[in-house]
Amino acid sequence: MYHVKEAFYSLQGEGAGCNLWSGREQDRASAACRFCDTDFIGTDGQQGGRFADADALAAHLTALWPSRGGMAKPYVVFTGGEPLLQLDEALIGAMHSRGFEVAVETNGTLPAPAGIDWLCVSPKSSTPLALTSGDELKLVYPQAEAPPERFIDLDFQYHFLQPMDTTPLIDATDHRDATVAYCLAHPQWRLSLQTHKITGID
């Protein structure tokens, strides 16, 4: 059984569940990751639901794509919460059989199943990483317990810093400016922005 909060055709994807926070506000202060901006509780989001098996979920996701005439290869991103709590080889295979490339954005604390085409690891706090190599390391910045120098030597093709989507107590421009300054001083890191929020895309 797969539990999906929401699924949609867009430039950005969402998933369900996390092993670093329950998703309940009353638990945020004691969570390993306290800055999550994703509502991943339940299956009541846009085109979310429960799916009995990998084929049923793959069919649901495939139906969200427009006609493929002349389009680029279809691409699905499993994100969260923590997608590796559910993503398995059966679902990856079902998506591949429908012609999809499969990407995942994970906190890196769980092993990844075989067959993922693009692996993005986004470390949180001081949690130990089970995944120390992949395509992309995307670090939300700043995190007192996860400084960039802890990750720069890991085996990833790209290293990105993304300004933390902040609380109302801190001006978001402070994090943006600090992130830009760090990237300028340490050019091994590239700037990553949440363009779906900037442009208002779901």
Foldseek 3Di string as FASTA:
>chain_A
DAWFQEAADFPDGEGAAAPQFGQDPVGLVVGLFNQDPDRHPGQPHHLGDDDPFLLRVLVSNVVRDDDCVVHDFAEDEYEYNARQVPDEPRNLVNNVVVRYQYEYEHCQQDDDYPDHPFYEHEHTAQRDGPDQATAEYEYAPDHPRCDPVVRLPGHYNAYEYEHRPDDPVDDSVVSVVVRVVVCVVPVSYHYDYPVCVVVVND
